[in-house]
Amino acid sequence: MARTRRIENGELPEADAIRLAQQGDAAAFERLYQLHHRRVYSLCLRMVGNTAEAEDLTQEAFLQLFRKISTFRGESAFSTWLHRLAVNVVLMRLRKKTGSETSLEEVTEPDEESGGPRRDFGAPDLGLSGSIDRVNLQRAVDQLPAGYKAVFVLHDVQGYEHNEIAQIMGCSIGNSKSQLHKARMRLRDLLHEVKRQRARDERQAFKDAAGED
């Protein structure tokens, strides 16, 4: 009775909720949902940029959790394991959208420029720390390849360290750093193009206004 009250009051510790959910306890699973759904939703939203789709993906991620929680062995933090599952759900959706073979494994492929292993980049933020229009930033993030996007969102938005991202993505720490470096470089190029287009539009508007005088 005491255990039931603790579950109903939302006081059940995560470790107990995991153990009971693995035994089929619906209230314990609901407790895990309460503990983690906001961050899973935030992750999905940052990756797809659409609230309705993010809600759908969050539900899909927790449906997958319900099906697979019995396979959790505690070899990593539960949140890391859950977010790996959520990232996989999102990447599967993005693959269906684009028709490409995007998957978690893409972050472990050889570097496309050299054909060899990816270099271990540890570069700081490459010009993304200034005041950037959030709408344009989100649009730029939306244009990133799925693997780049996942690592960028996990590191620069969600605040994960590279060792945690490596666990979530199933890749090496060096590959996580490489993907982040490439994502930032791509974002910098995309944002610079936005600025150039804005300057061109302003020049054209000035010319048009001058021609009317």
N, C-alpha and C. Protein backbone atom coordinates (compact mmCIF):
# COMPACT_ATOMS: atom_id res chain seq x y z
N MET A 1 0.83 -1.21 0.00
CA MET A 1 0.00 0.00 0.00
C MET A 1 0.86 1.26 0.00
N ALA A 2 1.96 1.23 0.83
CA ALA A 2 2.84 2.39 0.90
C ALA A 2 3.50 2.64 -0.45
N ARG A 3 3.93 1.53 -1.12
CA ARG A 3 4.58 1.67 -2.41
C ARG A 3 3.61 2.28 -3.42
N THR A 4 2.35 1.85 -3.39
CA THR A 4 1.34 2.37 -4.31
C THR A 4 1.12 3.86 -4.08
N ARG A 5 1.07 4.27 -2.82
CA ARG A 5 0.88 5.69 -2.52
C ARG A 5 2.05 6.51 -3.03
N ARG A 6 3.27 5.96 -2.89
CA ARG A 6 4.45 6.68 -3.37
C ARG A 6 4.39 6.86 -4.87
N ILE A 7 3.93 5.83 -5.58
CA ILE A 7 3.82 5.95 -7.03
C ILE A 7 2.76 6.97 -7.38
N GLU A 8 1.61 6.90 -6.72
CA GLU A 8 0.52 7.81 -7.02
C GLU A 8 0.91 9.25 -6.73
N ASN A 9 1.75 9.45 -5.71
CA ASN A 9 2.18 10.80 -5.35
C ASN A 9 3.37 11.27 -6.17
N GLY A 10 3.82 10.44 -7.09
CA GLY A 10 4.95 10.82 -7.93
C GLY A 10 6.25 10.88 -7.18
N GLU A 11 6.40 10.11 -6.07
CA GLU A 11 7.60 10.19 -5.25
C GLU A 11 8.53 9.00 -5.46
N LEU A 12 8.18 8.09 -6.34
CA LEU A 12 8.98 6.88 -6.52
C LEU A 12 10.33 7.23 -7.14
N PRO A 13 11.45 6.85 -6.52
CA PRO A 13 12.77 7.12 -7.11
C PRO A 13 12.90 6.46 -8.48
N GLU A 14 13.73 7.06 -9.32
CA GLU A 14 13.87 6.55 -10.68
C GLU A 14 14.29 5.09 -10.71
N ALA A 15 15.27 4.72 -9.88
CA ALA A 15 15.77 3.34 -9.90
C ALA A 15 14.65 2.35 -9.59
N ASP A 16 13.80 2.67 -8.62
CA ASP A 16 12.67 1.80 -8.28
C ASP A 16 11.65 1.79 -9.42
N ALA A 17 11.42 2.96 -10.03
CA ALA A 17 10.47 3.03 -11.14
C ALA A 17 10.94 2.17 -12.31
N ILE A 18 12.23 2.19 -12.59
CA ILE A 18 12.76 1.37 -13.68
C ILE A 18 12.54 -0.11 -13.38
N ARG A 19 12.89 -0.52 -12.16
CA ARG A 19 12.75 -1.93 -11.80
C ARG A 19 11.30 -2.38 -11.86
N LEU A 20 10.39 -1.57 -11.36
CA LEU A 20 8.98 -1.94 -11.36
C LEU A 20 8.40 -1.90 -12.77
N ALA A 21 8.82 -0.92 -13.58
CA ALA A 21 8.34 -0.83 -14.96
C ALA A 21 8.78 -2.05 -15.75
N GLN A 22 9.97 -2.54 -15.47
CA GLN A 22 10.46 -3.75 -16.14
C GLN A 22 9.62 -4.97 -15.78
N GLN A 23 8.93 -4.87 -14.64
CA GLN A 23 8.05 -5.95 -14.20
C GLN A 23 6.61 -5.74 -14.68
N GLY A 24 6.40 -4.67 -15.47
CA GLY A 24 5.08 -4.43 -16.03
C GLY A 24 4.20 -3.50 -15.23
N ASP A 25 4.76 -2.79 -14.26
CA ASP A 25 3.98 -1.88 -13.42
C ASP A 25 3.67 -0.61 -14.21
N ALA A 26 2.41 -0.39 -14.55
CA ALA A 26 2.02 0.75 -15.37
C ALA A 26 2.25 2.07 -14.65
N ALA A 27 2.00 2.12 -13.34
CA ALA A 27 2.19 3.35 -12.57
C ALA A 27 3.67 3.74 -12.55
N ALA A 28 4.55 2.76 -12.48
CA ALA A 28 5.98 3.04 -12.49
C ALA A 28 6.41 3.58 -13.84
N PHE A 29 5.84 3.04 -14.90
CA PHE A 29 6.16 3.55 -16.24
C PHE A 29 5.68 4.99 -16.38
N GLU A 30 4.52 5.29 -15.83
CA GLU A 30 4.01 6.66 -15.85
C GLU A 30 4.96 7.59 -15.10
N ARG A 31 5.56 7.09 -14.02
CA ARG A 31 6.52 7.88 -13.26
C ARG A 31 7.75 8.21 -14.13
N LEU A 32 8.22 7.24 -14.90
CA LEU A 32 9.35 7.48 -15.80
C LEU A 32 8.98 8.51 -16.87
N TYR A 33 7.77 8.43 -17.34
CA TYR A 33 7.30 9.41 -18.32
C TYR A 33 7.32 10.81 -17.72
N GLN A 34 6.83 10.94 -16.48
CA GLN A 34 6.82 12.24 -15.81
C GLN A 34 8.23 12.79 -15.64
N LEU A 35 9.17 11.92 -15.35
CA LEU A 35 10.55 12.34 -15.10
C LEU A 35 11.27 12.78 -16.36
N HIS A 36 10.93 12.17 -17.51
CA HIS A 36 11.77 12.35 -18.69
C HIS A 36 11.09 12.94 -19.92
N HIS A 37 9.77 13.05 -19.94
CA HIS A 37 9.12 13.40 -21.21
C HIS A 37 9.45 14.81 -21.68
N ARG A 38 9.66 15.75 -20.75
CA ARG A 38 9.95 17.13 -21.19
C ARG A 38 11.26 17.21 -21.95
N ARG A 39 12.28 16.53 -21.45
CA ARG A 39 13.57 16.62 -22.13
C ARG A 39 13.57 15.82 -23.43
N VAL A 40 12.86 14.72 -23.46
CA VAL A 40 12.74 13.97 -24.71
C VAL A 40 12.00 14.81 -25.75
N TYR A 41 10.94 15.47 -25.32
CA TYR A 41 10.19 16.34 -26.24
C TYR A 41 11.09 17.46 -26.76
N SER A 42 11.86 18.08 -25.86
CA SER A 42 12.75 19.16 -26.26
C SER A 42 13.77 18.68 -27.29
N LEU A 43 14.30 17.49 -27.07
CA LEU A 43 15.25 16.91 -28.02
C LEU A 43 14.60 16.70 -29.38
N CYS A 44 13.40 16.12 -29.39
CA CYS A 44 12.69 15.88 -30.65
C CYS A 44 12.36 17.19 -31.35
N LEU A 45 11.92 18.19 -30.57
CA LEU A 45 11.54 19.47 -31.16
C LEU A 45 12.74 20.14 -31.82
N ARG A 46 13.88 20.11 -31.16
CA ARG A 46 15.07 20.73 -31.73
C ARG A 46 15.51 20.03 -33.01
N MET A 47 15.24 18.75 -33.11
CA MET A 47 15.69 18.01 -34.29
C MET A 47 14.74 18.12 -35.46
N VAL A 48 13.43 18.31 -35.20
CA VAL A 48 12.48 18.36 -36.31
C VAL A 48 11.87 19.74 -36.51
N GLY A 49 11.93 20.61 -35.48
CA GLY A 49 11.46 21.98 -35.63
C GLY A 49 9.96 22.14 -35.80
N ASN A 50 9.19 21.15 -35.39
CA ASN A 50 7.74 21.20 -35.54
C ASN A 50 7.11 20.62 -34.28
N THR A 51 6.26 21.42 -33.62
CA THR A 51 5.73 20.99 -32.32
C THR A 51 4.86 19.74 -32.41
N ALA A 52 4.00 19.69 -33.42
CA ALA A 52 3.11 18.53 -33.56
C ALA A 52 3.91 17.27 -33.82
N GLU A 53 4.90 17.39 -34.70
CA GLU A 53 5.72 16.22 -35.02
C GLU A 53 6.58 15.82 -33.82
N ALA A 54 7.06 16.81 -33.07
CA ALA A 54 7.85 16.51 -31.88
C ALA A 54 7.02 15.77 -30.85
N GLU A 55 5.75 16.17 -30.69
CA GLU A 55 4.86 15.47 -29.76
C GLU A 55 4.64 14.03 -30.21
N ASP A 56 4.46 13.85 -31.52
CA ASP A 56 4.26 12.51 -32.07
C ASP A 56 5.50 11.65 -31.85
N LEU A 57 6.67 12.23 -32.08
CA LEU A 57 7.92 11.48 -31.90
C LEU A 57 8.17 11.16 -30.43
N THR A 58 7.79 12.07 -29.55
CA THR A 58 7.93 11.82 -28.11
C THR A 58 7.08 10.63 -27.70
N GLN A 59 5.83 10.59 -28.19
CA GLN A 59 4.97 9.46 -27.88
C GLN A 59 5.54 8.17 -28.44
N GLU A 60 6.09 8.24 -29.65
CA GLU A 60 6.70 7.05 -30.27
C GLU A 60 7.91 6.58 -29.47
N ALA A 61 8.69 7.54 -28.98
CA ALA A 61 9.86 7.18 -28.18
C ALA A 61 9.45 6.45 -26.90
N PHE A 62 8.41 6.93 -26.25
CA PHE A 62 7.98 6.27 -25.02
C PHE A 62 7.25 4.95 -25.30
N LEU A 63 6.66 4.84 -26.47
CA LEU A 63 6.10 3.55 -26.86
C LEU A 63 7.23 2.53 -27.04
N GLN A 64 8.32 2.99 -27.68
CA GLN A 64 9.48 2.12 -27.82
C GLN A 64 10.07 1.78 -26.45
N LEU A 65 10.06 2.76 -25.54
CA LEU A 65 10.56 2.51 -24.19
C LEU A 65 9.72 1.43 -23.51
N PHE A 66 8.41 1.52 -23.65
CA PHE A 66 7.52 0.53 -23.06
C PHE A 66 7.85 -0.88 -23.58
N ARG A 67 8.15 -0.95 -24.87
CA ARG A 67 8.45 -2.25 -25.48
C ARG A 67 9.82 -2.79 -25.09
N LYS A 68 10.78 -1.88 -24.87
CA LYS A 68 12.17 -2.29 -24.73
C LYS A 68 12.77 -2.11 -23.35
N ILE A 69 12.00 -1.60 -22.40
CA ILE A 69 12.59 -1.30 -21.09
C ILE A 69 13.17 -2.53 -20.42
N SER A 70 12.65 -3.69 -20.76
CA SER A 70 13.19 -4.91 -20.16
C SER A 70 14.62 -5.18 -20.58
N THR A 71 15.08 -4.53 -21.67
CA THR A 71 16.44 -4.75 -22.14
C THR A 71 17.45 -3.80 -21.48
N PHE A 72 16.97 -2.84 -20.69
CA PHE A 72 17.87 -1.91 -20.01
C PHE A 72 18.60 -2.66 -18.90
N ARG A 73 19.95 -2.59 -18.95
CA ARG A 73 20.77 -3.34 -18.00
C ARG A 73 21.55 -2.44 -17.04
N GLY A 74 21.36 -1.14 -17.15
CA GLY A 74 22.05 -0.25 -16.24
C GLY A 74 23.51 -0.03 -16.56
N GLU A 75 23.92 -0.37 -17.79
CA GLU A 75 25.33 -0.18 -18.17
C GLU A 75 25.65 1.28 -18.45
N SER A 76 24.63 2.10 -18.65
CA SER A 76 24.78 3.55 -18.79
C SER A 76 23.65 4.19 -17.99
N ALA A 77 23.69 5.51 -17.87
CA ALA A 77 22.59 6.19 -17.19
C ALA A 77 21.30 5.95 -17.96
N PHE A 78 20.19 5.84 -17.25
CA PHE A 78 18.91 5.58 -17.90
C PHE A 78 18.57 6.68 -18.89
N SER A 79 18.86 7.94 -18.52
CA SER A 79 18.55 9.05 -19.42
C SER A 79 19.35 8.93 -20.71
N THR A 80 20.60 8.50 -20.62
CA THR A 80 21.43 8.31 -21.81
C THR A 80 20.84 7.23 -22.69
N TRP A 81 20.43 6.13 -22.09
CA TRP A 81 19.83 5.01 -22.83
C TRP A 81 18.53 5.45 -23.49
N LEU A 82 17.70 6.19 -22.75
CA LEU A 82 16.43 6.66 -23.29
C LEU A 82 16.64 7.64 -24.44
N HIS A 83 17.59 8.51 -24.30
CA HIS A 83 17.82 9.50 -25.35
C HIS A 83 18.43 8.87 -26.60
N ARG A 84 19.19 7.80 -26.42
CA ARG A 84 19.67 7.06 -27.59
C ARG A 84 18.47 6.48 -28.34
N LEU A 85 17.52 5.95 -27.58
CA LEU A 85 16.31 5.39 -28.19
C LEU A 85 15.53 6.50 -28.92
N ALA A 86 15.41 7.66 -28.28
CA ALA A 86 14.66 8.78 -28.88
C ALA A 86 15.35 9.29 -30.14
N VAL A 87 16.66 9.43 -30.11
CA VAL A 87 17.40 9.88 -31.29
C VAL A 87 17.20 8.90 -32.44
N ASN A 88 17.22 7.62 -32.14
CA ASN A 88 17.00 6.61 -33.18
C ASN A 88 15.62 6.75 -33.80
N VAL A 89 14.61 7.02 -32.98
CA VAL A 89 13.24 7.22 -33.48
C VAL A 89 13.19 8.42 -34.42
N VAL A 90 13.84 9.52 -34.02
CA VAL A 90 13.85 10.72 -34.85
C VAL A 90 14.58 10.47 -36.17
N LEU A 91 15.74 9.82 -36.10
CA LEU A 91 16.50 9.57 -37.31
C LEU A 91 15.75 8.66 -38.27
N MET A 92 15.02 7.71 -37.73
CA MET A 92 14.19 6.84 -38.58
C MET A 92 13.13 7.67 -39.30
N ARG A 93 12.53 8.62 -38.60
CA ARG A 93 11.52 9.49 -39.22
C ARG A 93 12.16 10.36 -40.30
N LEU A 94 13.33 10.92 -40.01
CA LEU A 94 14.01 11.77 -40.99
C LEU A 94 14.41 10.95 -42.22
N ARG A 95 14.79 9.71 -42.01
CA ARG A 95 15.17 8.86 -43.14
C ARG A 95 13.97 8.61 -44.05
N LYS A 96 12.81 8.40 -43.44
CA LYS A 96 11.60 8.19 -44.25
C LYS A 96 11.25 9.45 -45.04
N LYS A 97 11.48 10.62 -44.41
CA LYS A 97 11.17 11.88 -45.08
C LYS A 97 12.05 12.12 -46.30
N THR A 98 13.35 11.89 -46.10
CA THR A 98 14.31 12.23 -47.15
C THR A 98 14.54 11.10 -48.13
N GLY A 99 14.21 9.88 -47.73
CA GLY A 99 14.47 8.74 -48.59
C GLY A 99 15.93 8.33 -48.58
N SER A 100 16.72 8.95 -47.69
CA SER A 100 18.14 8.59 -47.60
C SER A 100 18.34 7.53 -46.55
N GLU A 101 19.53 6.97 -46.51
CA GLU A 101 19.82 5.91 -45.57
C GLU A 101 20.47 6.45 -44.31
N THR A 102 19.91 7.51 -43.77
CA THR A 102 20.42 8.10 -42.54
C THR A 102 20.21 7.12 -41.39
N SER A 103 21.23 6.95 -40.58
CA SER A 103 21.11 6.07 -39.42
C SER A 103 22.13 6.48 -38.38
N LEU A 104 22.06 5.87 -37.21
CA LEU A 104 23.03 6.16 -36.17
C LEU A 104 24.44 5.79 -36.61
N GLU A 105 24.55 4.79 -37.50
CA GLU A 105 25.86 4.32 -37.90
C GLU A 105 26.61 5.32 -38.76
N GLU A 106 25.90 6.32 -39.31
CA GLU A 106 26.58 7.25 -40.21
C GLU A 106 27.68 8.03 -39.50
N VAL A 107 27.58 8.16 -38.18
CA VAL A 107 28.60 8.93 -37.48
C VAL A 107 29.87 8.13 -37.28
N THR A 108 29.90 6.86 -37.65
CA THR A 108 31.11 6.07 -37.49
C THR A 108 31.76 5.75 -38.82
N GLU A 109 31.21 6.32 -39.92
CA GLU A 109 31.81 6.08 -41.22
C GLU A 109 33.09 6.89 -41.37
N PRO A 110 34.00 6.51 -42.30
CA PRO A 110 35.24 7.26 -42.50
C PRO A 110 34.95 8.68 -42.94
N ASP A 111 35.92 9.55 -42.69
CA ASP A 111 35.79 10.94 -43.09
C ASP A 111 35.70 11.05 -44.60
N GLU A 112 34.68 11.80 -45.07
CA GLU A 112 34.43 11.84 -46.50
C GLU A 112 35.50 12.61 -47.27
N GLU A 113 36.21 13.55 -46.59
CA GLU A 113 37.24 14.29 -47.31
C GLU A 113 38.51 13.47 -47.52
N SER A 114 38.93 12.73 -46.49
CA SER A 114 40.21 12.05 -46.56
C SER A 114 40.09 10.56 -46.83
N GLY A 115 38.92 9.99 -46.56
CA GLY A 115 38.76 8.56 -46.71
C GLY A 115 39.30 7.78 -45.53
N GLY A 116 39.95 8.48 -44.60
CA GLY A 116 40.48 7.82 -43.41
C GLY A 116 39.60 8.07 -42.22
N PRO A 117 40.08 7.68 -41.05
CA PRO A 117 39.27 7.89 -39.84
C PRO A 117 39.05 9.37 -39.61
N ARG A 118 37.93 9.70 -38.99
CA ARG A 118 37.63 11.10 -38.70
C ARG A 118 38.63 11.62 -37.68
N ARG A 119 39.06 12.87 -37.89
CA ARG A 119 39.99 13.48 -36.94
C ARG A 119 39.26 13.86 -35.66
N ASP A 120 40.01 13.90 -34.58
CA ASP A 120 39.43 14.21 -33.27
C ASP A 120 39.42 15.72 -33.07
N PHE A 121 38.37 16.37 -33.58
CA PHE A 121 38.26 17.81 -33.44
C PHE A 121 37.86 18.17 -32.03
N GLY A 122 38.45 19.22 -31.52
CA GLY A 122 38.05 19.72 -30.21
C GLY A 122 37.85 21.21 -30.29
N ALA A 123 37.47 21.69 -31.44
CA ALA A 123 37.40 23.13 -31.70
C ALA A 123 36.31 23.78 -30.87
N PRO A 124 36.55 25.02 -30.43
CA PRO A 124 35.49 25.76 -29.73
C PRO A 124 34.42 26.21 -30.71
N ASP A 125 33.42 26.86 -30.18
CA ASP A 125 32.33 27.39 -30.99
C ASP A 125 32.90 28.26 -32.10
N LEU A 126 32.56 27.94 -33.35
CA LEU A 126 33.13 28.63 -34.50
C LEU A 126 32.21 29.75 -34.98
N GLY A 127 32.20 30.85 -34.23
CA GLY A 127 31.46 32.02 -34.68
C GLY A 127 29.96 31.92 -34.51
N LEU A 128 29.50 31.01 -33.66
CA LEU A 128 28.06 30.87 -33.46
C LEU A 128 27.59 31.50 -32.16
N SER A 129 28.51 32.11 -31.42
CA SER A 129 28.15 32.55 -30.07
C SER A 129 27.60 33.97 -30.03
N GLY A 130 27.59 34.69 -31.14
CA GLY A 130 27.08 36.05 -31.15
C GLY A 130 25.58 36.08 -31.09
N SER A 131 25.03 37.26 -31.31
CA SER A 131 23.58 37.38 -31.34
C SER A 131 23.08 36.94 -32.70
N ILE A 132 22.40 35.82 -32.74
CA ILE A 132 21.91 35.23 -33.99
C ILE A 132 20.39 35.14 -33.93
N ASP A 133 19.78 35.52 -34.99
CA ASP A 133 18.33 35.40 -35.10
C ASP A 133 17.94 33.93 -34.88
N ARG A 134 17.12 33.68 -33.87
CA ARG A 134 16.79 32.30 -33.54
C ARG A 134 16.03 31.60 -34.65
N VAL A 135 15.21 32.34 -35.35
CA VAL A 135 14.46 31.74 -36.45
C VAL A 135 15.42 31.26 -37.53
N ASN A 136 16.37 32.12 -37.90
CA ASN A 136 17.34 31.73 -38.92
C ASN A 136 18.22 30.59 -38.45
N LEU A 137 18.57 30.59 -37.16
CA LEU A 137 19.38 29.50 -36.62
C LEU A 137 18.62 28.18 -36.72
N GLN A 138 17.34 28.19 -36.33
CA GLN A 138 16.56 26.96 -36.40
C GLN A 138 16.42 26.49 -37.84
N ARG A 139 16.24 27.44 -38.77
CA ARG A 139 16.14 27.06 -40.18
C ARG A 139 17.45 26.44 -40.65
N ALA A 140 18.56 27.00 -40.19
CA ALA A 140 19.86 26.45 -40.57
C ALA A 140 20.05 25.06 -39.98
N VAL A 141 19.66 24.89 -38.71
CA VAL A 141 19.77 23.58 -38.07
C VAL A 141 18.93 22.54 -38.83
N ASP A 142 17.74 22.98 -39.28
CA ASP A 142 16.86 22.08 -40.02
C ASP A 142 17.50 21.57 -41.31
N GLN A 143 18.46 22.34 -41.85
CA GLN A 143 19.10 21.96 -43.11
C GLN A 143 20.30 21.04 -42.92
N LEU A 144 20.71 20.82 -41.68
CA LEU A 144 21.85 19.95 -41.42
C LEU A 144 21.50 18.50 -41.72
N PRO A 145 22.48 17.71 -42.19
CA PRO A 145 22.26 16.26 -42.29
C PRO A 145 21.89 15.71 -40.91
N ALA A 146 21.12 14.64 -40.90
CA ALA A 146 20.56 14.15 -39.63
C ALA A 146 21.63 13.85 -38.58
N GLY A 147 22.73 13.24 -38.98
CA GLY A 147 23.78 12.92 -38.02
C GLY A 147 24.41 14.15 -37.41
N TYR A 148 24.70 15.16 -38.25
CA TYR A 148 25.25 16.42 -37.75
C TYR A 148 24.25 17.07 -36.79
N LYS A 149 23.00 17.08 -37.21
CA LYS A 149 21.95 17.72 -36.41
C LYS A 149 21.84 17.08 -35.03
N ALA A 150 21.87 15.75 -35.00
CA ALA A 150 21.73 15.05 -33.73
C ALA A 150 22.84 15.43 -32.76
N VAL A 151 24.08 15.41 -33.22
CA VAL A 151 25.20 15.73 -32.35
C VAL A 151 25.16 17.20 -31.93
N PHE A 152 24.84 18.10 -32.86
CA PHE A 152 24.76 19.52 -32.53
C PHE A 152 23.70 19.77 -31.46
N VAL A 153 22.52 19.19 -31.65
CA VAL A 153 21.43 19.38 -30.68
C VAL A 153 21.82 18.80 -29.32
N LEU A 154 22.39 17.61 -29.31
CA LEU A 154 22.75 16.97 -28.04
C LEU A 154 23.82 17.78 -27.30
N HIS A 155 24.80 18.31 -28.03
CA HIS A 155 25.91 19.01 -27.38
C HIS A 155 25.59 20.48 -27.09
N ASP A 156 25.22 21.22 -28.13
CA ASP A 156 25.10 22.67 -27.99
C ASP A 156 23.75 23.12 -27.45
N VAL A 157 22.74 22.27 -27.57
CA VAL A 157 21.40 22.63 -27.08
C VAL A 157 21.07 21.90 -25.78
N GLN A 158 21.24 20.57 -25.79
CA GLN A 158 20.90 19.78 -24.62
C GLN A 158 21.99 19.77 -23.55
N GLY A 159 23.22 20.11 -23.94
CA GLY A 159 24.30 20.23 -22.95
C GLY A 159 25.01 18.94 -22.62
N TYR A 160 24.91 17.93 -23.46
CA TYR A 160 25.61 16.67 -23.21
C TYR A 160 27.10 16.82 -23.49
N GLU A 161 27.93 16.09 -22.74
CA GLU A 161 29.36 16.00 -23.02
C GLU A 161 29.59 14.97 -24.12
N HIS A 162 30.78 15.02 -24.72
CA HIS A 162 31.04 14.13 -25.85
C HIS A 162 31.04 12.65 -25.46
N ASN A 163 31.48 12.34 -24.24
CA ASN A 163 31.44 10.94 -23.83
C ASN A 163 30.00 10.44 -23.71
N GLU A 164 29.09 11.32 -23.30
CA GLU A 164 27.68 10.94 -23.21
C GLU A 164 27.07 10.80 -24.61
N ILE A 165 27.43 11.74 -25.51
CA ILE A 165 26.92 11.66 -26.88
C ILE A 165 27.41 10.39 -27.55
N ALA A 166 28.64 10.00 -27.28
CA ALA A 166 29.18 8.77 -27.85
C ALA A 166 28.33 7.57 -27.44
N GLN A 167 27.88 7.56 -26.20
CA GLN A 167 27.02 6.47 -25.73
C GLN A 167 25.65 6.53 -26.41
N ILE A 168 25.10 7.73 -26.51
CA ILE A 168 23.77 7.89 -27.10
C ILE A 168 23.79 7.51 -28.58
N MET A 169 24.83 7.97 -29.30
CA MET A 169 24.90 7.76 -30.74
C MET A 169 25.56 6.46 -31.14
N GLY A 170 26.18 5.79 -30.17
CA GLY A 170 26.86 4.54 -30.49
C GLY A 170 28.11 4.75 -31.34
N CYS A 171 28.86 5.82 -31.04
CA CYS A 171 30.07 6.12 -31.80
C CYS A 171 31.19 6.45 -30.83
N SER A 172 32.36 6.79 -31.35
CA SER A 172 33.49 7.17 -30.50
C SER A 172 33.38 8.64 -30.11
N ILE A 173 34.13 9.00 -29.07
CA ILE A 173 34.18 10.40 -28.65
C ILE A 173 34.76 11.26 -29.77
N GLY A 174 35.78 10.74 -30.45
CA GLY A 174 36.38 11.47 -31.56
C GLY A 174 35.39 11.73 -32.68
N ASN A 175 34.56 10.76 -32.98
CA ASN A 175 33.55 10.95 -34.02
C ASN A 175 32.50 11.97 -33.62
N SER A 176 32.15 11.97 -32.33
CA SER A 176 31.19 12.97 -31.84
C SER A 176 31.76 14.38 -32.03
N LYS A 177 33.03 14.56 -31.68
CA LYS A 177 33.67 15.87 -31.84
C LYS A 177 33.76 16.25 -33.31
N SER A 178 34.06 15.27 -34.16
CA SER A 178 34.16 15.54 -35.59
C SER A 178 32.81 15.98 -36.15
N GLN A 179 31.75 15.27 -35.78
CA GLN A 179 30.42 15.62 -36.26
C GLN A 179 30.01 17.02 -35.80
N LEU A 180 30.34 17.35 -34.54
CA LEU A 180 30.01 18.68 -34.02
C LEU A 180 30.78 19.76 -34.79
N HIS A 181 32.05 19.51 -35.03
CA HIS A 181 32.85 20.46 -35.80
C HIS A 181 32.23 20.69 -37.17
N LYS A 182 31.88 19.62 -37.86
CA LYS A 182 31.31 19.74 -39.20
C LYS A 182 29.95 20.44 -39.16
N ALA A 183 29.16 20.12 -38.12
CA ALA A 183 27.85 20.77 -37.99
C ALA A 183 28.01 22.27 -37.80
N ARG A 184 28.96 22.68 -36.96
CA ARG A 184 29.17 24.10 -36.73
C ARG A 184 29.68 24.80 -37.98
N MET A 185 30.56 24.14 -38.71
CA MET A 185 31.06 24.73 -39.94
C MET A 185 29.93 24.91 -40.95
N ARG A 186 29.08 23.89 -41.07
CA ARG A 186 27.95 23.98 -41.99
C ARG A 186 26.98 25.08 -41.56
N LEU A 187 26.72 25.16 -40.26
CA LEU A 187 25.83 26.21 -39.75
C LEU A 187 26.42 27.59 -40.00
N ARG A 188 27.72 27.73 -39.80
CA ARG A 188 28.35 29.02 -40.04
C ARG A 188 28.17 29.44 -41.50
N ASP A 189 28.38 28.49 -42.41
CA ASP A 189 28.20 28.80 -43.83
C ASP A 189 26.76 29.19 -44.14
N LEU A 190 25.81 28.44 -43.58
CA LEU A 190 24.40 28.72 -43.83
C LEU A 190 24.00 30.08 -43.27
N LEU A 191 24.48 30.41 -42.08
CA LEU A 191 24.13 31.68 -41.46
C LEU A 191 24.80 32.85 -42.17
N HIS A 192 26.01 32.64 -42.65
CA HIS A 192 26.68 33.69 -43.43
C HIS A 192 25.92 33.95 -44.72
N GLU A 193 25.38 32.89 -45.31
CA GLU A 193 24.61 33.07 -46.53
C GLU A 193 23.33 33.85 -46.25
N VAL A 194 22.72 33.63 -45.09
CA VAL A 194 21.54 34.40 -44.69
C VAL A 194 21.90 35.89 -44.58
N LYS A 195 23.06 36.16 -43.97
CA LYS A 195 23.49 37.55 -43.82
C LYS A 195 23.77 38.19 -45.18
N ARG A 196 24.41 37.41 -46.07
CA ARG A 196 24.70 37.95 -47.40
C ARG A 196 23.41 38.24 -48.17
N GLN A 197 22.44 37.34 -48.05
CA GLN A 197 21.17 37.54 -48.73
C GLN A 197 20.44 38.75 -48.17
N ARG A 198 20.52 38.92 -46.85
CA ARG A 198 19.88 40.08 -46.23
C ARG A 198 20.52 41.37 -46.72
N ALA A 199 21.87 41.37 -46.85
CA ALA A 199 22.57 42.56 -47.35
C ALA A 199 22.17 42.85 -48.79
N ARG A 200 22.05 41.79 -49.60
CA ARG A 200 21.63 41.98 -50.99
C ARG A 200 20.23 42.56 -51.06
N ASP A 201 19.34 42.05 -50.21
CA ASP A 201 17.96 42.55 -50.19
C ASP A 201 17.92 44.02 -49.78
N GLU A 202 18.76 44.38 -48.79
CA GLU A 202 18.78 45.77 -48.34
C GLU A 202 19.31 46.69 -49.43
N ARG A 203 20.35 46.24 -50.15
CA ARG A 203 20.88 47.05 -51.24
C ARG A 203 19.84 47.24 -52.34
N GLN A 204 19.12 46.15 -52.64
CA GLN A 204 18.11 46.24 -53.68
C GLN A 204 16.98 47.16 -53.26
N ALA A 205 16.59 47.10 -51.98
CA ALA A 205 15.53 47.97 -51.48
C ALA A 205 15.97 49.44 -51.56
N PHE A 206 17.26 49.69 -51.26
CA PHE A 206 17.78 51.06 -51.33
C PHE A 206 17.76 51.57 -52.77
N LYS A 207 18.15 50.69 -53.71
CA LYS A 207 18.15 51.08 -55.12
C LYS A 207 16.73 51.37 -55.59
N ASP A 208 15.80 50.50 -55.17
CA ASP A 208 14.41 50.69 -55.58
C ASP A 208 13.87 52.01 -55.04
N ALA A 209 14.22 52.31 -53.77
CA ALA A 209 13.75 53.55 -53.16
C ALA A 209 14.37 54.76 -53.84
N ALA A 210 15.65 54.64 -54.19
CA ALA A 210 16.33 55.75 -54.86
C ALA A 210 15.75 55.99 -56.25
N GLY A 211 15.34 54.91 -56.91
CA GLY A 211 14.78 55.05 -58.26
C GLY A 211 13.42 55.72 -58.25
N GLU A 212 12.72 55.65 -57.13
CA GLU A 212 11.39 56.26 -57.05
C GLU A 212 11.48 57.76 -56.82
N ASP A 213 12.64 58.23 -56.31
CA ASP A 213 12.77 59.67 -56.03
C ASP A 213 12.97 60.49 -57.30
